Amino acid sequence: MGMGNFDEAEHERREAKHSNVDATSDDTRTQYRGSVSYDSGESTEALLDQFEQMKSD
């Protein structure tokens, strides 16, 4: 069988495998706590400078 070639049964097997979702009790939502802040009045250059400073830290 060449690479990328497979019969219809293999296609159906893969499709069934990928279409089933295993929902377990570990899939509960995690509660995140914190805060988000942003500055909307700064210029692009000031934001880029701040980004470069954050990268260097």
C-alpha atoms as a PDB file:
ATOM      1  CA  MET A   1       0.000   0.000   0.000  1.00  0.00           C
ATOM      2  CA  GLY A   2       1.486   3.339  -1.005  1.00  0.00           C
ATOM      3  CA  MET A   3       1.813   6.226   1.335  1.00  0.00           C
ATOM      4  CA  GLY A   4      -1.489   8.078   1.605  1.00  0.00           C
ATOM      5  CA  ASN A   5      -3.448   5.193   0.051  1.00  0.00           C
ATOM      6  CA  PHE A   6      -5.903   3.301   2.217  1.00  0.00           C
ATOM      7  CA  ASP A   7      -9.163   1.520   1.605  1.00  0.00           C
ATOM      8  CA  GLU A   8     -12.654   2.623   2.553  1.00  0.00           C
ATOM      9  CA  ALA A   9     -12.695   0.513   5.734  1.00  0.00           C
ATOM     10  CA  GLU A  10      -9.557   2.252   6.990  1.00  0.00           C
ATOM     11  CA  HIS A  11     -11.105   5.634   6.184  1.00  0.00           C
ATOM     12  CA  GLU A  12     -14.258   4.737   8.127  1.00  0.00           C
ATOM     13  CA  ARG A  13     -12.190   3.423  11.053  1.00  0.00           C
ATOM     14  CA  ARG A  14     -10.202   6.658  11.264  1.00  0.00           C
ATOM     15  CA  GLU A  15     -13.317   8.789  10.879  1.00  0.00           C
ATOM     16  CA  ALA A  16     -15.044   6.920  13.718  1.00  0.00           C
ATOM     17  CA  LYS A  17     -11.951   7.228  15.888  1.00  0.00           C
ATOM     18  CA  HIS A  18     -11.717  10.991  15.398  1.00  0.00           C
ATOM     19  CA  SER A  19     -15.431  11.695  15.686  1.00  0.00           C
ATOM     20  CA  ASN A  20     -15.796  10.129  19.140  1.00  0.00           C
ATOM     21  CA  VAL A  21     -15.165  12.438  22.058  1.00  0.00           C
ATOM     22  CA  ASP A  22     -14.171  10.874  25.340  1.00  0.00           C
ATOM     23  CA  ALA A  23     -15.660  13.168  27.967  1.00  0.00           C
ATOM     24  CA  THR A  24     -14.330  12.235  31.369  1.00  0.00           C
ATOM     25  CA  SER A  25     -14.779  13.815  34.763  1.00  0.00           C
ATOM     26  CA  ASP A  26     -11.352  15.449  34.300  1.00  0.00           C
ATOM     27  CA  ASP A  27     -12.869  17.679  31.625  1.00  0.00           C
ATOM     28  CA  THR A  28     -14.431  20.093  34.099  1.00  0.00           C
ATOM     29  CA  ARG A  29     -13.844  23.778  33.720  1.00  0.00           C
ATOM     30  CA  THR A  30     -10.990  25.235  35.678  1.00  0.00           C
ATOM     31  CA  GLN A  31     -11.667  28.395  37.568  1.00  0.00           C
ATOM     32  CA  TYR A  32      -9.105  31.095  36.825  1.00  0.00           C
ATOM     33  CA  ARG A  33      -8.552  34.034  39.105  1.00  0.00           C
ATOM     34  CA  GLY A  34      -6.597  37.150  38.338  1.00  0.00           C
ATOM     35  CA  SER A  35      -6.904  40.434  36.610  1.00  0.00           C
ATOM     36  CA  VAL A  36      -6.407  41.831  33.151  1.00  0.00           C
ATOM     37  CA  SER A  37      -5.425  45.373  32.429  1.00  0.00           C
ATOM     38  CA  TYR A  38      -4.609  47.238  29.264  1.00  0.00           C
ATOM     39  CA  ASP A  39      -3.619  50.703  28.215  1.00  0.00           C
ATOM     40  CA  SER A  40      -5.401  52.082  25.204  1.00  0.00           C
ATOM     41  CA  GLY A  41      -3.800  55.524  25.087  1.00  0.00           C
ATOM     42  CA  GLU A  42      -0.189  54.616  24.348  1.00  0.00           C
ATOM     43  CA  SER A  43       1.416  54.903  20.955  1.00  0.00           C
ATOM     44  CA  THR A  44       2.521  51.889  18.955  1.00  0.00           C
ATOM     45  CA  GLU A  45       6.179  52.720  19.570  1.00  0.00           C
ATOM     46  CA  ALA A  46       5.653  52.883  23.334  1.00  0.00           C
ATOM     47  CA  LEU A  47       3.910  49.516  23.270  1.00  0.00           C
ATOM     48  CA  LEU A  48       6.709  47.977  21.189  1.00  0.00           C
ATOM     49  CA  ASP A  49       9.298  49.358  23.630  1.00  0.00           C
ATOM     50  CA  GLN A  50       7.347  47.847  26.515  1.00  0.00           C
ATOM     51  CA  PHE A  51       7.168  44.518  24.670  1.00  0.00           C
ATOM     52  CA  GLU A  52      10.919  44.482  24.043  1.00  0.00           C
ATOM     53  CA  GLN A  53      11.537  45.246  27.719  1.00  0.00           C
ATOM     54  CA  MET A  54       9.240  42.370  28.752  1.00  0.00           C
ATOM     55  CA  LYS A  55      11.058  39.985  26.401  1.00  0.00           C
ATOM     56  CA  SER A  56      14.451  40.910  27.840  1.00  0.00           C
ATOM     57  CA  ASP A  57      13.292  40.292  31.438  1.00  0.00           C
END
